[in-house]
Amino acid sequence: MLNRLPELVPLMIPILALMIPIVAIMTTHQRKMAEIMRDRNPIVDGQVDALRREVAELKQLVHQQSISIDNLVSVQTRSIPDLRDRVSH
């Protein structure tokens, strides 16, 4: 491998030269993203938290209503045979 090193050096120089701007672009992007995350607006964070609470409340309400509907259906299903017995006698 070391004996092929002189052959690889001319190939590695342009590759390394092209990697320098790529690394610079990625570093700049990462810095900007870190600044955005650091400077997040606390009002927006509060609004997001409020929306999360509201969604949780809505999920709970839907869950309660589904249970109520299921209970109502099961009561109606049980009462239908009783009604048939009354009508047939």
PDB file of N, CA and C in Angstrom:
ATOM      1  N   MET A   1       0.820  -1.194   0.000  1.00  0.00           N
ATOM      2  CA  MET A   1       0.000   0.000   0.000  1.00  0.00           C
ATOM      3  C   MET A   1       0.866   1.260   0.000  1.00  0.00           C
ATOM      4  N   LEU A   2       1.937   1.234   0.798  1.00  0.00           N
ATOM      5  CA  LEU A   2       2.810   2.405   0.858  1.00  0.00           C
ATOM      6  C   LEU A   2       3.522   2.649  -0.462  1.00  0.00           C
ATOM      7  N   ASN A   3       3.738   1.587  -1.226  1.00  0.00           N
ATOM      8  CA  ASN A   3       4.414   1.779  -2.507  1.00  0.00           C
ATOM      9  C   ASN A   3       3.493   2.450  -3.528  1.00  0.00           C
ATOM     10  N   ARG A   4       2.163   2.452  -3.307  1.00  0.00           N
ATOM     11  CA  ARG A   4       1.215   3.111  -4.215  1.00  0.00           C
ATOM     12  C   ARG A   4       0.896   4.531  -3.756  1.00  0.00           C
ATOM     13  N   LEU A   5       1.417   4.921  -2.626  1.00  0.00           N
ATOM     14  CA  LEU A   5       1.130   6.245  -2.078  1.00  0.00           C
ATOM     15  C   LEU A   5       1.491   7.372  -3.036  1.00  0.00           C
ATOM     16  N   PRO A   6       2.620   7.342  -3.706  1.00  0.00           N
ATOM     17  CA  PRO A   6       2.924   8.418  -4.659  1.00  0.00           C
ATOM     18  C   PRO A   6       1.901   8.515  -5.797  1.00  0.00           C
ATOM     19  N   GLU A   7       1.277   7.394  -6.159  1.00  0.00           N
ATOM     20  CA  GLU A   7       0.258   7.425  -7.212  1.00  0.00           C
ATOM     21  C   GLU A   7      -1.049   8.045  -6.705  1.00  0.00           C
ATOM     22  N   LEU A   8      -1.333   7.878  -5.419  1.00  0.00           N
ATOM     23  CA  LEU A   8      -2.595   8.362  -4.858  1.00  0.00           C
ATOM     24  C   LEU A   8      -2.554   9.841  -4.488  1.00  0.00           C
ATOM     25  N   VAL A   9      -1.390  10.376  -4.246  1.00  0.00           N
ATOM     26  CA  VAL A   9      -1.279  11.779  -3.829  1.00  0.00           C
ATOM     27  C   VAL A   9      -1.883  12.731  -4.858  1.00  0.00           C
ATOM     28  N   PRO A  10      -1.610  12.573  -6.151  1.00  0.00           N
ATOM     29  CA  PRO A  10      -2.233  13.493  -7.114  1.00  0.00           C
ATOM     30  C   PRO A  10      -3.770  13.404  -7.128  1.00  0.00           C
ATOM     31  N   LEU A  11      -4.309  12.242  -6.805  1.00  0.00           N
ATOM     32  CA  LEU A  11      -5.766  12.105  -6.739  1.00  0.00           C
ATOM     33  C   LEU A  11      -6.333  12.713  -5.453  1.00  0.00           C
ATOM     34  N   MET A  12      -5.587  12.613  -4.383  1.00  0.00           N
ATOM     35  CA  MET A  12      -6.074  13.085  -3.090  1.00  0.00           C
ATOM     36  C   MET A  12      -6.077  14.609  -2.990  1.00  0.00           C
ATOM     37  N   ILE A  13      -5.176  15.276  -3.661  1.00  0.00           N
ATOM     38  CA  ILE A  13      -5.090  16.742  -3.571  1.00  0.00           C
ATOM     39  C   ILE A  13      -6.379  17.410  -4.051  1.00  0.00           C
ATOM     40  N   PRO A  14      -6.933  17.075  -5.226  1.00  0.00           N
ATOM     41  CA  PRO A  14      -8.189  17.731  -5.623  1.00  0.00           C
ATOM     42  C   PRO A  14      -9.369  17.344  -4.732  1.00  0.00           C
ATOM     43  N   ILE A  15      -9.360  16.097  -4.271  1.00  0.00           N
ATOM     44  CA  ILE A  15     -10.449  15.673  -3.382  1.00  0.00           C
ATOM     45  C   ILE A  15     -10.420  16.485  -2.094  1.00  0.00           C
ATOM     46  N   LEU A  16      -9.252  16.632  -1.510  1.00  0.00           N
ATOM     47  CA  LEU A  16      -9.131  17.433  -0.288  1.00  0.00           C
ATOM     48  C   LEU A  16      -9.457  18.898  -0.551  1.00  0.00           C
ATOM     49  N   ALA A  17      -9.063  19.394  -1.708  1.00  0.00           N
ATOM     50  CA  ALA A  17      -9.353  20.791  -2.042  1.00  0.00           C
ATOM     51  C   ALA A  17     -10.857  21.015  -2.167  1.00  0.00           C
ATOM     52  N   LEU A  18     -11.589  20.040  -2.670  1.00  0.00           N
ATOM     53  CA  LEU A  18     -13.042  20.169  -2.787  1.00  0.00           C
ATOM     54  C   LEU A  18     -13.756  19.966  -1.450  1.00  0.00           C
ATOM     55  N   MET A  19     -13.133  19.248  -0.546  1.00  0.00           N
ATOM     56  CA  MET A  19     -13.759  19.004   0.752  1.00  0.00           C
ATOM     57  C   MET A  19     -13.727  20.237   1.648  1.00  0.00           C
ATOM     58  N   ILE A  20     -12.760  21.113   1.464  1.00  0.00           N
ATOM     59  CA  ILE A  20     -12.644  22.307   2.311  1.00  0.00           C
ATOM     60  C   ILE A  20     -13.896  23.179   2.221  1.00  0.00           C
ATOM     61  N   PRO A  21     -14.394  23.539   1.027  1.00  0.00           N
ATOM     62  CA  PRO A  21     -15.615  24.356   1.002  1.00  0.00           C
ATOM     63  C   PRO A  21     -16.849  23.601   1.493  1.00  0.00           C
ATOM     64  N   ILE A  22     -16.881  22.298   1.261  1.00  0.00           N
ATOM     65  CA  ILE A  22     -18.023  21.514   1.742  1.00  0.00           C
ATOM     66  C   ILE A  22     -18.078  21.545   3.262  1.00  0.00           C
ATOM     67  N   VAL A  23     -16.941  21.359   3.902  1.00  0.00           N
ATOM     68  CA  VAL A  23     -16.885  21.411   5.364  1.00  0.00           C
ATOM     69  C   VAL A  23     -17.238  22.811   5.857  1.00  0.00           C
ATOM     70  N   ALA A  24     -16.785  23.836   5.156  1.00  0.00           N
ATOM     71  CA  ALA A  24     -17.106  25.213   5.550  1.00  0.00           C
ATOM     72  C   ALA A  24     -18.606  25.470   5.444  1.00  0.00           C
ATOM     73  N   ILE A  25     -19.232  24.998   4.380  1.00  0.00           N
ATOM     74  CA  ILE A  25     -20.677  25.176   4.210  1.00  0.00           C
ATOM     75  C   ILE A  25     -21.432  24.443   5.312  1.00  0.00           C
ATOM     76  N   MET A  26     -21.024  23.227   5.600  1.00  0.00           N
ATOM     77  CA  MET A  26     -21.700  22.453   6.642  1.00  0.00           C
ATOM     78  C   MET A  26     -21.532  23.097   8.013  1.00  0.00           C
ATOM     79  N   THR A  27     -20.360  23.627   8.294  1.00  0.00           N
ATOM     80  CA  THR A  27     -20.122  24.294   9.573  1.00  0.00           C
ATOM     81  C   THR A  27     -20.972  25.547   9.698  1.00  0.00           C
ATOM     82  N   THR A  28     -21.060  26.326   8.633  1.00  0.00           N
ATOM     83  CA  THR A  28     -21.892  27.536   8.650  1.00  0.00           C
ATOM     84  C   THR A  28     -23.355  27.180   8.858  1.00  0.00           C
ATOM     85  N   HIS A  29     -23.811  26.154   8.186  1.00  0.00           N
ATOM     86  CA  HIS A  29     -25.200  25.718   8.333  1.00  0.00           C
ATOM     87  C   HIS A  29     -25.474  25.265   9.764  1.00  0.00           C
ATOM     88  N   GLN A  30     -24.560  24.494  10.316  1.00  0.00           N
ATOM     89  CA  GLN A  30     -24.736  24.010  11.682  1.00  0.00           C
ATOM     90  C   GLN A  30     -24.766  25.179  12.666  1.00  0.00           C
ATOM     91  N   ARG A  31     -23.937  26.175  12.458  1.00  0.00           N
ATOM     92  CA  ARG A  31     -23.916  27.352  13.327  1.00  0.00           C
ATOM     93  C   ARG A  31     -25.247  28.098  13.247  1.00  0.00           C
ATOM     94  N   LYS A  32     -25.764  28.279  12.017  1.00  0.00           N
ATOM     95  CA  LYS A  32     -27.045  28.976  11.852  1.00  0.00           C
ATOM     96  C   LYS A  32     -28.180  28.210  12.522  1.00  0.00           C
ATOM     97  N   MET A  33     -28.176  26.894  12.383  1.00  0.00           N
ATOM     98  CA  MET A  33     -29.222  26.091  13.013  1.00  0.00           C
ATOM     99  C   MET A  33     -29.134  26.180  14.536  1.00  0.00           C
ATOM    100  N   ALA A  34     -27.930  26.206  15.074  1.00  0.00           N
ATOM    101  CA  ALA A  34     -27.764  26.345  16.522  1.00  0.00           C
ATOM    102  C   ALA A  34     -28.278  27.700  16.991  1.00  0.00           C
ATOM    103  N   GLU A  35     -28.030  28.755  16.217  1.00  0.00           N
ATOM    104  CA  GLU A  35     -28.541  30.079  16.573  1.00  0.00           C
ATOM    105  C   GLU A  35     -30.063  30.110  16.530  1.00  0.00           C
ATOM    106  N   ILE A  36     -30.643  29.467  15.543  1.00  0.00           N
ATOM    107  CA  ILE A  36     -32.108  29.417  15.447  1.00  0.00           C
ATOM    108  C   ILE A  36     -32.685  28.694  16.662  1.00  0.00           C
ATOM    109  N   MET A  37     -32.085  27.585  17.031  1.00  0.00           N
ATOM    110  CA  MET A  37     -32.579  26.830  18.186  1.00  0.00           C
ATOM    111  C   MET A  37     -32.409  27.630  19.477  1.00  0.00           C
ATOM    112  N   ARG A  38     -31.326  28.370  19.589  1.00  0.00           N
ATOM    113  CA  ARG A  38     -31.074  29.151  20.792  1.00  0.00           C
ATOM    114  C   ARG A  38     -32.021  30.336  20.890  1.00  0.00           C
ATOM    115  N   ASP A  39     -32.341  30.944  19.758  1.00  0.00           N
ATOM    116  CA  ASP A  39     -33.152  32.159  19.747  1.00  0.00           C
ATOM    117  C   ASP A  39     -34.641  31.882  19.583  1.00  0.00           C
ATOM    118  N   ARG A  40     -35.070  30.667  19.861  1.00  0.00           N
ATOM    119  CA  ARG A  40     -36.497  30.367  19.717  1.00  0.00           C
ATOM    120  C   ARG A  40     -37.311  31.274  20.611  1.00  0.00           C
ATOM    121  N   ASN A  41     -38.461  31.650  20.115  1.00  0.00           N
ATOM    122  CA  ASN A  41     -39.334  32.589  20.803  1.00  0.00           C
ATOM    123  C   ASN A  41     -40.084  31.863  21.923  1.00  0.00           C
ATOM    124  N   PRO A  42     -39.993  32.345  23.166  1.00  0.00           N
ATOM    125  CA  PRO A  42     -40.702  31.681  24.267  1.00  0.00           C
ATOM    126  C   PRO A  42     -42.221  31.758  24.114  1.00  0.00           C
ATOM    127  N   ILE A  43     -42.720  32.785  23.421  1.00  0.00           N
ATOM    128  CA  ILE A  43     -44.167  32.885  23.201  1.00  0.00           C
ATOM    129  C   ILE A  43     -44.630  31.724  22.327  1.00  0.00           C
ATOM    130  N   VAL A  44     -43.847  31.430  21.297  1.00  0.00           N
ATOM    131  CA  VAL A  44     -44.191  30.316  20.411  1.00  0.00           C
ATOM    132  C   VAL A  44     -44.127  29.003  21.182  1.00  0.00           C
ATOM    133  N   ASP A  45     -43.135  28.844  22.041  1.00  0.00           N
ATOM    134  CA  ASP A  45     -43.033  27.635  22.850  1.00  0.00           C
ATOM    135  C   ASP A  45     -44.266  27.475  23.729  1.00  0.00           C
ATOM    136  N   GLY A  46     -44.726  28.574  24.316  1.00  0.00           N
ATOM    137  CA  GLY A  46     -45.926  28.530  25.147  1.00  0.00           C
ATOM    138  C   GLY A  46     -47.153  28.154  24.338  1.00  0.00           C
ATOM    139  N   GLN A  47     -47.238  28.685  23.127  1.00  0.00           N
ATOM    140  CA  GLN A  47     -48.375  28.357  22.265  1.00  0.00           C
ATOM    141  C   GLN A  47     -48.352  26.880  21.874  1.00  0.00           C
ATOM    142  N   VAL A  48     -47.175  26.367  21.592  1.00  0.00           N
ATOM    143  CA  VAL A  48     -47.051  24.950  21.237  1.00  0.00           C
ATOM    144  C   VAL A  48     -47.460  24.083  22.424  1.00  0.00           C
ATOM    145  N   ASP A  49     -47.029  24.451  23.628  1.00  0.00           N
ATOM    146  CA  ASP A  49     -47.418  23.696  24.818  1.00  0.00           C
ATOM    147  C   ASP A  49     -48.926  23.743  25.026  1.00  0.00           C
ATOM    148  N   ALA A  50     -49.535  24.908  24.804  1.00  0.00           N
ATOM    149  CA  ALA A  50     -50.989  25.037  24.947  1.00  0.00           C
ATOM    150  C   ALA A  50     -51.705  24.153  23.929  1.00  0.00           C
ATOM    151  N   LEU A  51     -51.205  24.126  22.706  1.00  0.00           N
ATOM    152  CA  LEU A  51     -51.811  23.270  21.686  1.00  0.00           C
ATOM    153  C   LEU A  51     -51.668  21.792  22.045  1.00  0.00           C
ATOM    154  N   ARG A  52     -50.542  21.428  22.604  1.00  0.00           N
ATOM    155  CA  ARG A  52     -50.352  20.030  23.015  1.00  0.00           C
ATOM    156  C   ARG A  52     -51.342  19.649  24.110  1.00  0.00           C
ATOM    157  N   ARG A  53     -51.540  20.552  25.075  1.00  0.00           N
ATOM    158  CA  ARG A  53     -52.517  20.275  26.139  1.00  0.00           C
ATOM    159  C   ARG A  53     -53.920  20.140  25.558  1.00  0.00           C
ATOM    160  N   GLU A  54     -54.255  21.026  24.618  1.00  0.00           N
ATOM    161  CA  GLU A  54     -55.586  20.987  24.008  1.00  0.00           C
ATOM    162  C   GLU A  54     -55.796  19.687  23.233  1.00  0.00           C
ATOM    163  N   VAL A  55     -54.784  19.246  22.509  1.00  0.00           N
ATOM    164  CA  VAL A  55     -54.888  17.983  21.774  1.00  0.00           C
ATOM    165  C   VAL A  55     -55.062  16.823  22.750  1.00  0.00           C
ATOM    166  N   ALA A  56     -54.345  16.847  23.862  1.00  0.00           N
ATOM    167  CA  ALA A  56     -54.484  15.787  24.863  1.00  0.00           C
ATOM    168  C   ALA A  56     -55.899  15.773  25.437  1.00  0.00           C
ATOM    169  N   GLU A  57     -56.462  16.960  25.702  1.00  0.00           N
ATOM    170  CA  GLU A  57     -57.832  17.042  26.211  1.00  0.00           C
ATOM    171  C   GLU A  57     -58.823  16.506  25.182  1.00  0.00           C
ATOM    172  N   LEU A  58     -58.615  16.848  23.921  1.00  0.00           N
ATOM    173  CA  LEU A  58     -59.508  16.362  22.870  1.00  0.00           C
ATOM    174  C   LEU A  58     -59.421  14.841  22.730  1.00  0.00           C
ATOM    175  N   LYS A  59     -58.225  14.299  22.843  1.00  0.00           N
ATOM    176  CA  LYS A  59     -58.075  12.844  22.785  1.00  0.00           C
ATOM    177  C   LYS A  59     -58.839  12.185  23.926  1.00  0.00           C
ATOM    178  N   GLN A  60     -58.714  12.760  25.118  1.00  0.00           N
ATOM    179  CA  GLN A  60     -59.413  12.216  26.278  1.00  0.00           C
ATOM    180  C   GLN A  60     -60.924  12.285  26.075  1.00  0.00           C
ATOM    181  N   LEU A  61     -61.422  13.390  25.548  1.00  0.00           N
ATOM    182  CA  LEU A  61     -62.852  13.557  25.297  1.00  0.00           C
ATOM    183  C   LEU A  61     -63.348  12.542  24.267  1.00  0.00           C
ATOM    184  N   VAL A  62     -62.600  12.356  23.198  1.00  0.00           N
ATOM    185  CA  VAL A  62     -62.984  11.372  22.180  1.00  0.00           C
ATOM    186  C   VAL A  62     -63.005   9.974  22.788  1.00  0.00           C
ATOM    187  N   HIS A  63     -62.032   9.677  23.626  1.00  0.00           N
ATOM    188  CA  HIS A  63     -61.973   8.371  24.277  1.00  0.00           C
ATOM    189  C   HIS A  63     -63.204   8.159  25.160  1.00  0.00           C
ATOM    190  N   GLN A  64     -63.557   9.160  25.958  1.00  0.00           N
ATOM    191  CA  GLN A  64     -64.727   9.057  26.832  1.00  0.00           C
ATOM    192  C   GLN A  64     -66.007   8.890  26.016  1.00  0.00           C
ATOM    193  N   GLN A  65     -66.127   9.637  24.934  1.00  0.00           N
ATOM    194  CA  GLN A  65     -67.329   9.536  24.108  1.00  0.00           C
ATOM    195  C   GLN A  65     -67.419   8.180  23.415  1.00  0.00           C
ATOM    196  N   SER A  66     -66.276   7.622  22.990  1.00  0.00           N
ATOM    197  CA  SER A  66     -66.326   6.294  22.371  1.00  0.00           C
ATOM    198  C   SER A  66     -66.787   5.249  23.371  1.00  0.00           C
ATOM    199  N   ILE A  67     -66.336   5.363  24.609  1.00  0.00           N
ATOM    200  CA  ILE A  67     -66.776   4.422  25.643  1.00  0.00           C
ATOM    201  C   ILE A  67     -68.270   4.586  25.889  1.00  0.00           C
ATOM    202  N   SER A  68     -68.745   5.826  25.949  1.00  0.00           N
ATOM    203  CA  SER A  68     -70.173   6.070  26.165  1.00  0.00           C
ATOM    204  C   SER A  68     -71.004   5.494  25.026  1.00  0.00           C
ATOM    205  N   ILE A  69     -70.572   5.700  23.806  1.00  0.00           N
ATOM    206  CA  ILE A  69     -71.306   5.165  22.649  1.00  0.00           C
ATOM    207  C   ILE A  69     -71.300   3.643  22.681  1.00  0.00           C
ATOM    208  N   ASP A  70     -70.163   3.053  23.029  1.00  0.00           N
ATOM    209  CA  ASP A  70     -70.071   1.598  23.109  1.00  0.00           C
ATOM    210  C   ASP A  70     -71.014   1.064  24.179  1.00  0.00           C
ATOM    211  N   ASN A  71     -71.059   1.735  25.330  1.00  0.00           N
ATOM    212  CA  ASN A  71     -71.970   1.319  26.399  1.00  0.00           C
ATOM    213  C   ASN A  71     -73.422   1.436  25.946  1.00  0.00           C
ATOM    214  N   LEU A  72     -73.762   2.503  25.267  1.00  0.00           N
ATOM    215  CA  LEU A  72     -75.122   2.710  24.780  1.00  0.00           C
ATOM    216  C   LEU A  72     -75.514   1.618  23.789  1.00  0.00           C
ATOM    217  N   VAL A  73     -74.610   1.280  22.893  1.00  0.00           N
ATOM    218  CA  VAL A  73     -74.891   0.225  21.911  1.00  0.00           C
ATOM    219  C   VAL A  73     -75.089  -1.111  22.610  1.00  0.00           C
ATOM    220  N   SER A  74     -74.266  -1.409  23.597  1.00  0.00           N
ATOM    221  CA  SER A  74     -74.408  -2.696  24.290  1.00  0.00           C
ATOM    222  C   SER A  74     -75.711  -2.747  25.086  1.00  0.00           C
ATOM    223  N   VAL A  75     -76.148  -1.640  25.675  1.00  0.00           N
ATOM    224  CA  VAL A  75     -77.425  -1.597  26.393  1.00  0.00           C
ATOM    225  C   VAL A  75     -78.570  -1.805  25.410  1.00  0.00           C
ATOM    226  N   GLN A  76     -78.508  -1.153  24.268  1.00  0.00           N
ATOM    227  CA  GLN A  76     -79.562  -1.309  23.266  1.00  0.00           C
ATOM    228  C   GLN A  76     -79.587  -2.734  22.722  1.00  0.00           C
ATOM    229  N   THR A  77     -78.436  -3.336  22.556  1.00  0.00           N
ATOM    230  CA  THR A  77     -78.365  -4.702  22.044  1.00  0.00           C
ATOM    231  C   THR A  77     -78.977  -5.673  23.045  1.00  0.00           C
ATOM    232  N   ARG A  78     -78.747  -5.449  24.332  1.00  0.00           N
ATOM    233  CA  ARG A  78     -79.323  -6.308  25.362  1.00  0.00           C
ATOM    234  C   ARG A  78     -80.831  -6.118  25.472  1.00  0.00           C
ATOM    235  N   SER A  79     -81.314  -4.926  25.225  1.00  0.00           N
ATOM    236  CA  SER A  79     -82.743  -4.661  25.391  1.00  0.00           C
ATOM    237  C   SER A  79     -83.567  -5.165  24.211  1.00  0.00           C
ATOM    238  N   ILE A  80     -82.969  -5.398  23.064  1.00  0.00           N
ATOM    239  CA  ILE A  80     -83.717  -5.881  21.895  1.00  0.00           C
ATOM    240  C   ILE A  80     -84.296  -7.275  22.143  1.00  0.00           C
ATOM    241  N   PRO A  81     -83.551  -8.259  22.679  1.00  0.00           N
ATOM    242  CA  PRO A  81     -84.186  -9.560  22.952  1.00  0.00           C
ATOM    243  C   PRO A  81     -85.326  -9.440  23.970  1.00  0.00           C
ATOM    244  N   ASP A  82     -85.178  -8.571  24.976  1.00  0.00           N
ATOM    245  CA  ASP A  82     -86.248  -8.381  25.953  1.00  0.00           C
ATOM    246  C   ASP A  82     -87.503  -7.876  25.263  1.00  0.00           C
ATOM    247  N   LEU A  83     -87.355  -6.959  24.348  1.00  0.00           N
ATOM    248  CA  LEU A  83     -88.488  -6.407  23.610  1.00  0.00           C
ATOM    249  C   LEU A  83     -89.145  -7.489  22.755  1.00  0.00           C
ATOM    250  N   ARG A  84     -88.352  -8.353  22.133  1.00  0.00           N
ATOM    251  CA  ARG A  84     -88.898  -9.443  21.323  1.00  0.00           C
ATOM    252  C   ARG A  84     -89.696 -10.420  22.194  1.00  0.00           C
ATOM    253  N   ASP A  85     -89.179 -10.680  23.391  1.00  0.00           N
ATOM    254  CA  ASP A  85     -89.905 -11.576  24.303  1.00  0.00           C
ATOM    255  C   ASP A  85     -91.253 -10.980  24.673  1.00  0.00           C
ATOM    256  N   ARG A  86     -91.310  -9.703  24.922  1.00  0.00           N
ATOM    257  CA  ARG A  86     -92.562  -9.043  25.302  1.00  0.00           C
ATOM    258  C   ARG A  86     -93.568  -9.066  24.155  1.00  0.00           C
ATOM    259  N   VAL A  87     -93.081  -8.836  22.950  1.00  0.00           N
ATOM    260  CA  VAL A  87     -93.976  -8.779  21.801  1.00  0.00           C
ATOM    261  C   VAL A  87     -94.501 -10.173  21.457  1.00  0.00           C
ATOM    262  N   SER A  88     -93.687 -11.191  21.578  1.00  0.00           N
ATOM    263  CA  SER A  88     -94.085 -12.541  21.185  1.00  0.00           C
ATOM    264  C   SER A  88     -95.044 -13.179  22.180  1.00  0.00           C
ATOM    265  N   HIS A  89     -95.101 -12.700  23.417  1.00  0.00           N
ATOM    266  CA  HIS A  89     -96.000 -13.299  24.419  1.00  0.00           C
ATOM    267  C   HIS A  89     -97.313 -12.676  24.372  1.00  0.00           C
TER     268      HIS A  89
END
